[in-house]
Amino acid sequence: MITLAAETTNQERLITVILFTLLIATTLGVTVWASRQTKSATDFHSGGRGFSGIQNGFAIGGDYMSAASFLGIAGTIALFGYDGFLYSIGFLVAWLVALLLVAELLRNSGRFTMADVVSYRMRQRPVRTAASVSTLTVSIFYLLAQMVGAGALVALLLGIEEGETYLGMSADVAKIVGIVVVGILMVTYVSFGGMTGTTWVQIIKAVMLMGGALLVTLLVLSMYDFNFGSLMNDAAAASGAGDAFLEPGQRYGVEVAGDAWQTMINKLDLISLGLALVLGTAGLPHILIRFYTVPDSKTARKSVNWAIGIIGTFYLLTLVLGFGAAAIVGHEAITEQNTAGNTAAPQLAEAVGDHFGGDFWGAVMLAFIAAVAFATILSTVAGLTIASSSSLAHDFYNSVLRKGKASGQEEVRVARFAAIGVGIVAIVLAVFAQNLNVAFLVALAFAIAASANLPTILLSLFWRRFNTTGAVAGIYGGLISSVGLVFFSPVVSGKGVDAAGNNLSLFPESVDFHWFPLENPGLVSIPLGLVCAIVGTLMSSESDDQRFARLQVRALTGAGAERATTH
């Protein structure tokens, strides 16, 4: 049985610390180099629009494949088999929406942020304020999940058990140190390197992640003579669920015997989750701003094609990682280490290293995959931070407070201070949230993006009648409904405890104020966001046909995209 914390030796800790130090030193070196290339607002917000399709494709992949993707999906597949792969399918299919409906038109229509497109033919101040609030909300929820994961990862890999210390740190202190280090690094990347530094950190992370996942995949398959069917059979046998492990219904859409209502709720929850994943990607602020880092719409399309190839390949590799962990590590060892299965991939890396090279190579593989996971967290939080700081500086400070009169240098200075502010808020919230089950925050971020951002973007691009009232109503309606429904859902209260007695909701078992039955709000909040946008539009007589015509020309040709979008 493999238990990382119990068997972590000083040698393994030293290897882990060395690899982490090399990773941080490399990324900081890139940031120093990037800071010398960042001279204007365009450099800071969009990297000078100088990245190629391949480079931006890898950066998108690095930004998108978060710790939830790497650790979470591999763990879910390891514990629930077929159902875990549903997450991968949702994340991948989402890129078709982004490619077909958003990437080219957004690149042509805006300069730095999502709000450039939404506010182009509307009153700037209310629309950009709403867009900033939505961007900040999505980013903070996403940041919390990543930073709490970073703290847990650092404590786990240093192998600090209850009552023990390492370098003077207890497990709780190590978690806080991990959160603070990630926060300081993400602020450093963004404040000094801007989008150029952030992009290269994401490219490095994508290469490391693909290399690490491919290496472990090949080692696992070689243990089974590259017979994936044999691997799946062993995984099913070790899972304790038998052949049902390879069929749907272990985690999502579970059929409850004798309870038709709960069965229906479970299936609706699965549909709701799928909608949020598929539609949310095209509305995530830190993904949308990546389309502005390329010189033209053709390169934007090429970068999305590369991203689809990279992300698709990675999610195929997670199949082997998940089933490999189930077969080689075992269900009991995985859940003993982490009930959610988030350590399945590092445990698998250690197991295959032990198999092929003994304890030393097991420690090396564990440390390497841990460094990959840490790089995954760093690149994602950097992308989220620059999305937030750019929106606060470009949308709120320049367009709302200064009415478009701030200089480029002033905007960059404010963006750097905004990055520091976002970092401080994220660190403080993550420290207080470190003992909570925050996995739902990623799904909530997708639900908000799908409910508040995507309908508003699409209606701005395609509906002539759309106006300021509709945009503001759509953003706030989708934002409030998605957050509000989650607050009154079983995720927050009333879900009860699992077989081990662990509370499944954020609030204690004795607290129950939920009335919304679904854990994922997308099935309700996405239509609500769209309805709010439509009703708000029809309630106002505002209309600007000429500006809509100019937006269409810009969206299709890119003419004028470099000019200021305020009016």
Protein backbone atom coordinates (compact mmCIF):
# COMPACT_ATOMS: atom_id res chain seq x y z
CA MET A 1 0.00 0.00 0.00
CA ILE A 2 1.36 3.42 -0.96
CA THR A 3 1.00 6.31 1.47
CA LEU A 4 3.07 9.28 0.42
CA ALA A 5 3.14 11.13 3.72
CA ALA A 6 4.05 8.09 5.78
CA GLU A 7 6.96 7.03 3.60
CA THR A 8 8.45 10.38 2.69
CA THR A 9 12.15 10.33 3.59
CA ASN A 10 14.58 13.20 3.92
CA GLN A 11 16.10 12.15 0.59
CA GLU A 12 12.71 12.37 -1.14
CA ARG A 13 12.04 15.73 0.49
CA LEU A 14 15.41 17.02 -0.71
CA ILE A 15 14.69 15.93 -4.29
CA THR A 16 11.28 17.60 -4.13
CA VAL A 17 12.72 20.86 -2.77
CA ILE A 18 15.48 20.89 -5.44
CA LEU A 19 13.02 20.38 -8.32
CA PHE A 20 10.63 23.00 -6.93
CA THR A 21 13.52 25.44 -6.55
CA LEU A 22 14.70 24.85 -10.14
CA LEU A 23 11.16 25.36 -11.43
CA ILE A 24 10.70 28.61 -9.53
CA ALA A 25 14.15 29.88 -10.55
CA THR A 26 13.40 29.14 -14.23
CA THR A 27 10.04 30.89 -14.22
CA LEU A 28 11.45 33.89 -12.34
CA GLY A 29 14.26 34.11 -14.91
CA VAL A 30 11.66 34.18 -17.68
CA THR A 31 9.80 36.91 -15.81
CA VAL A 32 12.94 39.07 -15.52
CA TRP A 33 13.52 38.69 -19.26
CA ALA A 34 9.87 39.48 -20.03
CA SER A 35 9.93 42.60 -17.86
CA ARG A 36 12.48 44.09 -20.25
CA GLN A 37 10.12 43.49 -23.17
CA THR A 38 7.13 45.12 -21.44
CA LYS A 39 7.12 48.83 -22.28
CA SER A 40 3.55 49.71 -23.30
CA ALA A 41 -0.04 48.87 -22.35
CA THR A 42 -0.25 46.55 -25.36
CA ASP A 43 2.89 44.74 -24.16
CA PHE A 44 1.50 44.35 -20.63
CA HIS A 45 -2.07 43.33 -21.49
CA SER A 46 -1.48 41.26 -24.64
CA GLY A 47 2.26 40.56 -24.94
CA GLY A 48 2.61 42.94 -27.87
CA ARG A 49 0.33 40.65 -29.92
CA GLY A 50 3.49 38.92 -31.08
CA PHE A 51 2.91 35.24 -30.25
CA SER A 52 2.58 32.63 -32.99
CA GLY A 53 -0.29 30.17 -33.25
CA ILE A 54 1.82 27.32 -31.86
CA GLN A 55 3.10 29.40 -28.95
CA ASN A 56 -0.36 30.69 -28.07
CA GLY A 57 -1.81 27.19 -28.47
CA PHE A 58 0.62 25.84 -25.88
CA ALA A 59 -0.08 28.86 -23.64
CA ILE A 60 -3.84 28.28 -23.90
CA GLY A 61 -3.26 24.65 -23.01
CA GLY A 62 -1.08 25.68 -20.06
CA ASP A 63 -3.71 28.16 -18.90
CA TYR A 64 -6.63 25.76 -19.34
CA MET A 65 -5.20 22.53 -17.97
CA SER A 66 -5.40 23.53 -14.33
CA ALA A 67 -4.62 21.50 -11.23
CA ALA A 68 -8.28 20.43 -11.29
CA SER A 69 -7.70 18.98 -14.75
CA PHE A 70 -4.44 17.22 -13.98
CA LEU A 71 -4.95 16.00 -10.43
CA GLY A 72 -8.74 16.10 -10.23
CA ILE A 73 -9.64 14.27 -13.43
CA ALA A 74 -6.97 11.59 -12.99
CA GLY A 75 -8.23 11.04 -9.44
CA THR A 76 -11.89 10.95 -10.47
CA ILE A 77 -11.16 8.36 -13.17
CA ALA A 78 -9.15 6.33 -10.66
CA LEU A 79 -12.06 6.26 -8.20
CA PHE A 80 -15.09 6.27 -10.49
CA GLY A 81 -13.86 4.89 -13.81
CA TYR A 82 -16.00 5.81 -16.81
CA ASP A 83 -17.70 8.74 -15.08
CA GLY A 84 -14.40 10.47 -14.45
CA PHE A 85 -13.77 10.68 -18.18
CA LEU A 86 -16.99 12.71 -18.60
CA TYR A 87 -15.14 15.71 -17.20
CA SER A 88 -12.46 15.31 -19.87
CA ILE A 89 -15.07 15.13 -22.63
CA GLY A 90 -16.80 18.27 -21.35
CA PHE A 91 -13.55 20.25 -21.12
CA LEU A 92 -12.53 19.20 -24.64
CA VAL A 93 -15.87 19.69 -26.43
CA ALA A 94 -15.99 23.19 -24.95
CA TRP A 95 -13.23 24.26 -27.31
CA LEU A 96 -15.47 23.72 -30.33
CA VAL A 97 -17.76 26.45 -28.96
CA ALA A 98 -14.78 28.73 -28.39
CA LEU A 99 -13.40 28.05 -31.88
CA LEU A 100 -16.65 28.40 -33.83
CA LEU A 101 -18.32 31.27 -31.98
CA VAL A 102 -15.76 33.32 -30.09
CA ALA A 103 -12.05 33.10 -30.97
CA GLU A 104 -11.87 34.91 -34.33
CA LEU A 105 -14.63 37.44 -33.69
CA LEU A 106 -13.33 38.35 -30.25
CA ARG A 107 -9.76 38.81 -31.53
CA ASN A 108 -11.01 41.12 -34.28
CA SER A 109 -13.39 43.14 -32.13
CA GLY A 110 -11.46 44.00 -28.96
CA ARG A 111 -8.11 45.11 -27.65
CA PHE A 112 -7.38 43.73 -24.19
CA THR A 113 -10.48 42.41 -22.38
CA MET A 114 -13.89 40.83 -22.86
CA ALA A 115 -15.51 44.17 -22.04
CA ASP A 116 -13.97 45.77 -25.16
CA VAL A 117 -16.37 43.72 -27.26
CA VAL A 118 -19.42 43.85 -24.98
CA SER A 119 -19.25 47.63 -24.46
CA TYR A 120 -18.28 48.69 -27.99
CA ARG A 121 -21.75 49.89 -29.03
CA MET A 122 -23.09 50.67 -25.55
CA ARG A 123 -22.61 53.06 -22.66
CA GLN A 124 -19.15 52.34 -21.33
CA ARG A 125 -19.40 52.85 -17.58
CA PRO A 126 -22.24 50.48 -16.59
CA VAL A 127 -21.19 47.72 -18.99
CA ARG A 128 -17.50 47.81 -18.16
CA THR A 129 -18.28 47.93 -14.44
CA ALA A 130 -20.46 44.83 -14.75
CA ALA A 131 -17.82 43.06 -16.84
CA SER A 132 -15.15 43.87 -14.24
CA VAL A 133 -17.31 42.51 -11.42
CA SER A 134 -17.95 39.29 -13.37
CA THR A 135 -14.26 38.88 -14.31
CA LEU A 136 -13.13 39.42 -10.73
CA THR A 137 -15.74 37.00 -9.33
CA VAL A 138 -14.86 34.19 -11.73
CA SER A 139 -11.15 34.73 -11.20
CA ILE A 140 -11.32 34.80 -7.39
CA PHE A 141 -13.35 31.56 -7.24
CA TYR A 142 -10.91 29.88 -9.63
CA LEU A 143 -7.89 31.30 -7.77
CA LEU A 144 -9.11 30.00 -4.42
CA ALA A 145 -9.35 26.43 -5.67
CA GLN A 146 -5.85 26.57 -7.21
CA MET A 147 -4.15 28.16 -4.18
CA VAL A 148 -5.77 25.88 -1.62
CA GLY A 149 -4.65 22.98 -3.81
CA ALA A 150 -1.12 24.37 -3.82
CA GLY A 151 -1.02 24.50 -0.04
CA ALA A 152 -2.27 20.94 0.30
CA LEU A 153 0.19 19.73 -2.36
CA VAL A 154 3.20 21.29 -0.62
CA ALA A 155 2.26 19.83 2.78
CA LEU A 156 1.61 16.43 1.27
CA LEU A 157 4.85 16.19 -0.69
CA LEU A 158 6.96 17.29 2.24
CA GLY A 159 5.39 14.36 4.08
CA ILE A 160 4.66 16.24 7.28
CA GLU A 161 2.41 14.14 9.48
CA GLU A 162 0.42 15.18 12.55
CA GLY A 163 2.82 16.18 15.34
CA GLU A 164 5.84 16.30 12.99
CA THR A 165 7.74 19.25 11.55
CA TYR A 166 10.06 19.80 8.59
CA LEU A 167 12.31 22.87 8.41
CA GLY A 168 10.43 24.06 11.48
CA MET A 169 7.03 23.78 9.75
CA SER A 170 4.04 21.72 10.83
CA ALA A 171 1.59 20.47 8.19
CA ASP A 172 -0.76 23.43 8.77
CA VAL A 173 2.09 25.92 8.55
CA ALA A 174 3.37 24.24 5.37
CA LYS A 175 -0.07 24.69 3.76
CA ILE A 176 -0.05 28.39 4.58
CA VAL A 177 3.52 28.73 3.31
CA GLY A 178 2.51 27.03 0.06
CA ILE A 179 -0.42 29.41 -0.39
CA VAL A 180 1.70 32.48 0.35
CA VAL A 181 4.54 31.37 -1.97
CA VAL A 182 2.09 30.79 -4.85
CA GLY A 183 0.50 34.18 -4.17
CA ILE A 184 3.83 36.01 -4.17
CA LEU A 185 4.97 34.23 -7.34
CA MET A 186 1.77 34.96 -9.27
CA VAL A 187 1.94 38.65 -8.33
CA THR A 188 5.61 38.72 -9.39
CA TYR A 189 4.89 37.07 -12.77
CA VAL A 190 2.10 39.51 -13.58
CA SER A 191 3.50 42.72 -12.07
CA PHE A 192 6.91 42.42 -13.71
CA GLY A 193 6.42 40.14 -16.70
CA GLY A 194 2.92 41.16 -17.78
CA MET A 195 1.30 39.01 -20.43
CA THR A 196 4.67 38.14 -22.00
CA GLY A 197 6.01 36.62 -18.78
CA THR A 198 2.71 34.94 -17.99
CA THR A 199 2.51 33.40 -21.47
CA TRP A 200 6.01 31.92 -21.32
CA VAL A 201 5.32 30.50 -17.85
CA GLN A 202 2.22 28.85 -19.33
CA ILE A 203 4.19 27.47 -22.30
CA ILE A 204 6.84 26.00 -19.97
CA LYS A 205 4.11 24.46 -17.82
CA ALA A 206 2.33 22.95 -20.86
CA VAL A 207 5.54 21.32 -22.09
CA MET A 208 6.29 19.96 -18.59
CA LEU A 209 2.74 18.69 -18.14
CA MET A 210 2.59 16.95 -21.50
CA GLY A 211 6.07 15.48 -21.00
CA GLY A 212 5.32 14.25 -17.49
CA ALA A 213 1.91 12.81 -18.40
CA LEU A 214 3.36 11.11 -21.50
CA LEU A 215 6.28 9.62 -19.54
CA VAL A 216 4.05 8.14 -16.82
CA THR A 217 1.58 6.91 -19.46
CA LEU A 218 4.30 5.07 -21.39
CA LEU A 219 5.66 3.51 -18.20
CA VAL A 220 2.21 2.33 -17.14
CA LEU A 221 1.40 0.89 -20.56
CA SER A 222 4.78 -0.85 -20.72
CA MET A 223 3.89 -2.65 -17.48
CA TYR A 224 0.91 -4.10 -19.39
CA ASP A 225 2.76 -4.70 -22.68
CA PHE A 226 0.78 -1.78 -24.13
CA ASN A 227 -2.47 -3.72 -23.76
CA PHE A 228 -4.96 -1.08 -22.61
CA GLY A 229 -7.74 -3.66 -22.30
CA SER A 230 -5.72 -5.62 -19.75
CA LEU A 231 -5.09 -2.39 -17.82
CA MET A 232 -8.82 -1.60 -17.74
CA ASN A 233 -9.66 -5.11 -16.53
CA ASP A 234 -7.14 -4.85 -13.69
CA ALA A 235 -8.46 -1.37 -12.81
CA ALA A 236 -12.03 -2.68 -12.65
CA ALA A 237 -10.97 -5.62 -10.50
CA ALA A 238 -9.02 -3.41 -8.08
CA SER A 239 -11.76 -0.77 -7.86
CA GLY A 240 -14.12 -2.95 -5.85
CA ALA A 241 -16.95 -2.14 -8.28
CA GLY A 242 -16.17 -4.82 -10.87
CA ASP A 243 -17.44 -4.29 -14.42
CA ALA A 244 -19.65 -1.42 -13.20
CA PHE A 245 -16.40 0.59 -12.91
CA LEU A 246 -16.27 0.68 -16.72
CA GLU A 247 -19.90 1.77 -17.08
CA PRO A 248 -21.67 5.10 -16.37
CA GLY A 249 -23.43 5.74 -13.09
CA GLN A 250 -20.68 5.43 -10.46
CA ARG A 251 -20.33 9.18 -9.83
CA TYR A 252 -22.76 11.11 -12.05
CA GLY A 253 -26.37 10.40 -12.93
CA VAL A 254 -26.52 7.71 -10.26
CA GLU A 255 -29.74 5.69 -10.24
CA VAL A 256 -31.16 5.40 -6.71
CA ALA A 257 -33.28 2.29 -6.30
CA GLY A 258 -36.82 3.14 -5.21
CA ASP A 259 -36.27 6.91 -5.39
CA ALA A 260 -37.31 8.23 -8.80
CA TRP A 261 -37.03 11.88 -7.68
CA GLN A 262 -33.39 11.59 -6.55
CA THR A 263 -32.54 9.61 -9.68
CA MET A 264 -33.96 12.40 -11.84
CA ILE A 265 -32.08 15.06 -9.81
CA ASN A 266 -28.82 13.13 -10.27
CA LYS A 267 -29.30 12.96 -14.02
CA LEU A 268 -30.27 16.64 -14.26
CA ASP A 269 -27.16 17.47 -12.24
CA LEU A 270 -25.04 15.68 -14.81
CA ILE A 271 -26.66 17.64 -17.65
CA SER A 272 -26.18 20.87 -15.67
CA LEU A 273 -22.48 20.14 -15.12
CA GLY A 274 -22.01 19.32 -18.80
CA LEU A 275 -23.66 22.59 -19.88
CA ALA A 276 -21.44 24.62 -17.57
CA LEU A 277 -18.26 22.92 -18.80
CA VAL A 278 -19.11 23.10 -22.50
CA LEU A 279 -20.41 26.68 -22.51
CA GLY A 280 -18.29 28.11 -19.71
CA THR A 281 -14.91 27.84 -21.44
CA ALA A 282 -15.87 30.40 -24.09
CA GLY A 283 -16.72 32.86 -21.29
CA LEU A 284 -13.73 32.41 -18.97
CA PRO A 285 -11.93 35.80 -18.81
CA HIS A 286 -8.42 34.34 -18.50
CA ILE A 287 -9.03 32.22 -21.61
CA LEU A 288 -10.66 35.03 -23.63
CA ILE A 289 -7.71 37.41 -23.19
CA ARG A 290 -5.41 34.81 -24.75
CA PHE A 291 -6.99 35.55 -28.15
CA TYR A 292 -5.57 39.10 -27.98
CA THR A 293 -1.95 37.93 -27.77
CA VAL A 294 -1.75 36.98 -31.48
CA PRO A 295 -1.37 39.36 -34.45
CA ASP A 296 -4.55 38.46 -36.35
CA SER A 297 -7.69 36.32 -36.42
CA LYS A 298 -6.09 33.64 -38.60
CA THR A 299 -3.44 33.09 -35.93
CA ALA A 300 -6.17 33.07 -33.27
CA ARG A 301 -7.91 30.19 -35.10
CA LYS A 302 -4.60 28.38 -35.49
CA SER A 303 -3.84 28.78 -31.78
CA VAL A 304 -7.21 27.29 -30.84
CA ASN A 305 -6.58 24.36 -33.20
CA TRP A 306 -3.24 23.75 -31.52
CA ALA A 307 -4.88 24.05 -28.11
CA ILE A 308 -7.53 21.48 -29.05
CA GLY A 309 -4.80 19.06 -30.17
CA ILE A 310 -2.72 19.57 -27.01
CA ILE A 311 -5.66 19.45 -24.61
CA GLY A 312 -7.27 16.51 -26.43
CA THR A 313 -4.04 14.51 -26.26
CA PHE A 314 -3.64 15.32 -22.58
CA TYR A 315 -7.17 14.17 -21.72
CA LEU A 316 -6.55 10.89 -23.53
CA LEU A 317 -3.45 10.47 -21.37
CA THR A 318 -5.57 11.03 -18.24
CA LEU A 319 -7.43 7.83 -19.13
CA VAL A 320 -4.21 5.85 -18.70
CA LEU A 321 -3.22 7.84 -15.61
CA GLY A 322 -6.62 7.28 -13.97
CA PHE A 323 -7.02 3.61 -14.83
CA GLY A 324 -3.33 3.06 -14.09
CA ALA A 325 -3.72 4.52 -10.60
CA ALA A 326 -6.79 2.36 -9.99
CA ALA A 327 -4.96 -0.80 -11.10
CA ILE A 328 -1.47 -0.20 -9.69
CA VAL A 329 -2.01 1.99 -6.62
CA GLY A 330 -5.45 0.71 -5.67
CA HIS A 331 -8.67 2.33 -4.49
CA GLU A 332 -7.90 1.95 -0.79
CA ALA A 333 -4.42 3.49 -0.98
CA ILE A 334 -5.71 6.43 -3.03
CA THR A 335 -8.61 7.26 -0.72
CA GLU A 336 -6.47 6.79 2.38
CA GLN A 337 -4.14 9.48 1.09
CA ASN A 338 -6.89 11.79 -0.19
CA THR A 339 -10.62 10.99 -0.15
CA ALA A 340 -11.21 12.98 -3.36
CA GLY A 341 -8.43 11.11 -5.20
CA ASN A 342 -6.39 14.25 -5.92
CA THR A 343 -3.10 12.47 -5.15
CA ALA A 344 -3.73 9.55 -7.52
CA ALA A 345 -1.37 10.86 -10.23
CA PRO A 346 1.59 11.51 -7.87
CA GLN A 347 1.01 8.14 -6.20
CA LEU A 348 1.01 6.45 -9.61
CA ALA A 349 4.24 8.23 -10.60
CA GLU A 350 5.92 6.99 -7.41
CA ALA A 351 4.64 3.45 -7.98
CA VAL A 352 5.92 3.15 -11.57
CA GLY A 353 9.22 4.72 -10.52
CA ASP A 354 9.58 2.10 -7.79
CA HIS A 355 8.70 -0.64 -10.26
CA PHE A 356 11.33 0.32 -12.84
CA GLY A 357 14.12 1.78 -10.70
CA GLY A 358 13.55 1.21 -7.01
CA ASP A 359 12.92 3.67 -4.20
CA PHE A 360 15.23 6.39 -5.51
CA TRP A 361 13.57 6.62 -8.91
CA GLY A 362 10.19 6.38 -7.24
CA ALA A 363 11.13 9.47 -5.24
CA VAL A 364 12.40 11.22 -8.39
CA MET A 365 9.19 10.46 -10.30
CA LEU A 366 7.06 11.62 -7.38
CA ALA A 367 9.02 14.87 -7.08
CA PHE A 368 8.89 15.46 -10.85
CA ILE A 369 5.12 14.98 -11.08
CA ALA A 370 4.73 17.15 -7.99
CA ALA A 371 6.77 19.89 -9.69
CA VAL A 372 4.56 19.52 -12.78
CA ALA A 373 1.45 19.89 -10.59
CA PHE A 374 2.99 22.95 -8.92
CA ALA A 375 3.84 24.46 -12.32
CA THR A 376 0.24 23.76 -13.36
CA ILE A 377 -1.03 25.79 -10.42
CA LEU A 378 1.45 28.64 -11.00
CA SER A 379 0.56 29.11 -14.66
CA THR A 380 -3.18 29.02 -14.02
CA VAL A 381 -3.08 31.53 -11.16
CA ALA A 382 -0.87 33.84 -13.24
CA GLY A 383 -3.42 33.76 -16.07
CA LEU A 384 -6.27 34.48 -13.67
CA THR A 385 -4.37 37.33 -12.01
CA ILE A 386 -3.52 39.11 -15.26
CA ALA A 387 -7.15 38.75 -16.41
CA SER A 388 -8.31 40.39 -13.18
CA SER A 389 -5.68 43.14 -13.11
CA SER A 390 -6.19 43.99 -16.80
CA SER A 391 -9.94 44.25 -16.32
CA LEU A 392 -9.58 46.43 -13.22
CA ALA A 393 -7.05 48.75 -14.89
CA HIS A 394 -8.38 48.86 -18.46
CA ASP A 395 -12.13 48.51 -17.88
CA PHE A 396 -12.78 49.98 -14.46
CA TYR A 397 -9.96 52.48 -13.84
CA ASN A 398 -9.40 53.84 -17.35
CA SER A 399 -12.88 53.55 -18.87
CA VAL A 400 -15.09 54.07 -15.80
CA LEU A 401 -13.11 56.26 -13.40
CA ARG A 402 -10.94 58.16 -15.91
CA LYS A 403 -13.45 58.05 -18.80
CA GLY A 404 -10.82 56.74 -21.22
CA LYS A 405 -8.31 59.54 -20.55
CA ALA A 406 -5.62 57.54 -18.74
CA SER A 407 -2.33 57.06 -20.58
CA GLY A 408 -0.93 53.63 -21.40
CA GLN A 409 1.80 53.97 -18.76
CA GLU A 410 -0.76 54.99 -16.15
CA GLU A 411 -2.95 52.01 -17.02
CA VAL A 412 -0.02 49.60 -16.71
CA ARG A 413 0.94 51.09 -13.33
CA VAL A 414 -2.62 50.62 -12.06
CA ALA A 415 -2.68 47.06 -13.44
CA ARG A 416 0.45 46.22 -11.46
CA PHE A 417 -1.04 47.58 -8.24
CA ALA A 418 -4.28 45.71 -9.05
CA ALA A 419 -2.30 42.47 -9.40
CA ILE A 420 -0.84 43.03 -5.93
CA GLY A 421 -4.32 43.70 -4.54
CA VAL A 422 -5.82 40.60 -6.16
CA GLY A 423 -2.90 38.55 -4.85
CA ILE A 424 -3.37 39.77 -1.27
CA VAL A 425 -7.13 39.07 -1.36
CA ALA A 426 -6.57 35.61 -2.85
CA ILE A 427 -3.91 34.72 -0.25
CA VAL A 428 -6.07 35.82 2.69
CA LEU A 429 -9.19 34.02 1.43
CA ALA A 430 -7.23 30.86 0.58
CA VAL A 431 -5.67 30.73 4.06
CA PHE A 432 -9.13 30.83 5.62
CA ALA A 433 -10.56 28.37 3.07
CA GLN A 434 -7.71 25.83 3.24
CA ASN A 435 -9.68 23.30 5.29
CA LEU A 436 -12.83 23.52 3.19
CA ASN A 437 -13.81 21.33 0.27
CA VAL A 438 -13.33 23.89 -2.50
CA ALA A 439 -13.49 21.57 -5.52
CA PHE A 440 -16.91 22.99 -6.42
CA LEU A 441 -15.37 26.46 -6.97
CA VAL A 442 -13.98 25.46 -10.38
CA ALA A 443 -17.38 24.21 -11.54
CA LEU A 444 -18.96 27.38 -10.15
CA ALA A 445 -16.47 29.54 -12.08
CA PHE A 446 -17.47 27.75 -15.29
CA ALA A 447 -21.16 28.18 -14.44
CA ILE A 448 -20.74 31.94 -13.88
CA ALA A 449 -18.79 32.30 -17.13
CA ALA A 450 -21.49 30.39 -19.03
CA SER A 451 -24.36 32.26 -17.36
CA ALA A 452 -23.07 35.84 -17.22
CA ASN A 453 -20.35 36.23 -19.85
CA LEU A 454 -21.09 34.01 -22.83
CA PRO A 455 -24.72 35.11 -23.50
CA THR A 456 -23.67 38.77 -23.29
CA ILE A 457 -20.71 38.28 -25.64
CA LEU A 458 -22.77 36.41 -28.24
CA LEU A 459 -25.70 38.86 -28.13
CA SER A 460 -23.26 41.76 -28.47
CA LEU A 461 -21.79 40.21 -31.59
CA PHE A 462 -24.96 38.92 -33.26
CA TRP A 463 -28.08 40.83 -32.08
CA ARG A 464 -28.62 44.28 -33.58
CA ARG A 465 -31.23 45.24 -30.95
CA PHE A 466 -28.97 44.41 -27.96
CA ASN A 467 -28.22 47.40 -25.73
CA THR A 468 -26.70 48.60 -22.46
CA THR A 469 -29.62 47.60 -20.24
CA GLY A 470 -29.60 44.09 -21.71
CA ALA A 471 -25.84 43.68 -21.24
CA VAL A 472 -25.89 44.82 -17.62
CA ALA A 473 -29.00 42.73 -16.82
CA GLY A 474 -27.48 39.67 -18.51
CA ILE A 475 -24.16 39.88 -16.66
CA TYR A 476 -25.62 40.56 -13.23
CA GLY A 477 -28.54 38.18 -13.75
CA GLY A 478 -26.25 35.28 -14.68
CA LEU A 479 -23.76 36.13 -11.92
CA ILE A 480 -26.31 36.46 -9.12
CA SER A 481 -28.36 33.44 -10.16
CA SER A 482 -25.36 31.09 -10.43
CA VAL A 483 -23.78 32.16 -7.13
CA GLY A 484 -27.14 32.34 -5.36
CA LEU A 485 -28.30 28.90 -6.49
CA VAL A 486 -25.03 27.32 -5.36
CA PHE A 487 -25.37 29.02 -1.97
CA PHE A 488 -28.77 27.37 -1.50
CA SER A 489 -27.66 24.02 -2.92
CA PRO A 490 -26.44 20.82 -1.20
CA VAL A 491 -22.87 21.92 -1.91
CA VAL A 492 -23.13 24.49 0.88
CA SER A 493 -25.49 22.74 3.31
CA GLY A 494 -27.64 19.67 3.80
CA LYS A 495 -25.74 17.03 1.84
CA GLY A 496 -24.91 14.95 4.90
CA VAL A 497 -21.81 12.81 5.46
CA ASP A 498 -20.09 10.03 3.54
CA ALA A 499 -19.43 6.47 4.72
CA ALA A 500 -16.30 7.62 6.55
CA GLY A 501 -18.20 10.32 8.42
CA ASN A 502 -16.73 13.22 6.43
CA ASN A 503 -19.09 16.17 5.93
CA LEU A 504 -19.97 16.57 2.24
CA SER A 505 -21.14 20.21 2.46
CA LEU A 506 -19.31 23.38 3.40
CA PHE A 507 -21.44 23.92 6.51
CA PRO A 508 -21.59 21.35 9.34
CA GLU A 509 -24.06 18.50 9.09
CA SER A 510 -26.38 20.15 11.63
CA VAL A 511 -26.85 23.21 9.35
CA ASP A 512 -29.26 22.80 6.45
CA PHE A 513 -30.82 25.70 4.56
CA HIS A 514 -30.67 24.34 1.01
CA TRP A 515 -33.75 24.35 -1.20
CA PHE A 516 -32.17 24.13 -4.66
CA PRO A 517 -31.68 20.39 -5.36
CA LEU A 518 -28.88 20.56 -7.98
CA GLU A 519 -25.20 20.88 -7.08
CA ASN A 520 -24.42 22.55 -10.41
CA PRO A 521 -26.53 25.63 -11.22
CA GLY A 522 -25.86 25.81 -14.97
CA LEU A 523 -29.10 24.15 -16.08
CA VAL A 524 -31.06 27.02 -14.48
CA SER A 525 -28.60 29.93 -14.32
CA ILE A 526 -27.50 29.81 -17.98
CA PRO A 527 -31.07 30.20 -19.35
CA LEU A 528 -31.73 32.82 -16.64
CA GLY A 529 -28.71 34.86 -17.72
CA LEU A 530 -29.89 34.74 -21.34
CA VAL A 531 -33.47 35.66 -20.39
CA CYS A 532 -32.27 38.58 -18.27
CA ALA A 533 -30.22 39.89 -21.20
CA ILE A 534 -33.16 39.61 -23.61
CA VAL A 535 -35.76 41.09 -21.25
CA GLY A 536 -33.42 43.91 -20.25
CA THR A 537 -32.85 44.74 -23.90
CA LEU A 538 -36.56 44.82 -24.73
CA MET A 539 -37.28 47.06 -21.72
CA SER A 540 -35.00 49.77 -23.14
CA SER A 541 -35.45 51.72 -26.37
CA GLU A 542 -31.71 52.32 -26.74
CA SER A 543 -30.30 51.20 -30.09
CA ASP A 544 -27.34 52.11 -32.30
CA ASP A 545 -27.59 50.45 -35.72
CA GLN A 546 -24.58 52.27 -37.13
CA ARG A 547 -22.28 51.18 -34.36
CA PHE A 548 -23.55 47.58 -34.66
CA ALA A 549 -22.72 47.70 -38.38
CA ARG A 550 -19.22 48.93 -37.56
CA LEU A 551 -18.86 46.14 -34.97
CA GLN A 552 -19.82 43.56 -37.59
CA VAL A 553 -17.21 44.91 -40.00
CA ARG A 554 -14.60 44.89 -37.25
CA ALA A 555 -15.53 41.36 -36.09
CA LEU A 556 -15.30 39.96 -39.62
CA THR A 557 -12.24 41.87 -40.85
CA GLY A 558 -10.35 43.10 -37.78
CA ALA A 559 -10.37 46.67 -39.13
CA GLY A 560 -9.87 49.14 -36.30
CA ALA A 561 -9.22 46.55 -33.58
CA GLU A 562 -6.04 48.34 -32.49
CA ARG A 563 -7.83 51.61 -31.84
CA ALA A 564 -9.43 52.54 -28.55
CA THR A 565 -12.88 51.09 -28.03
CA THR A 566 -14.22 53.81 -25.76
CA HIS A 567 -16.54 56.48 -27.08
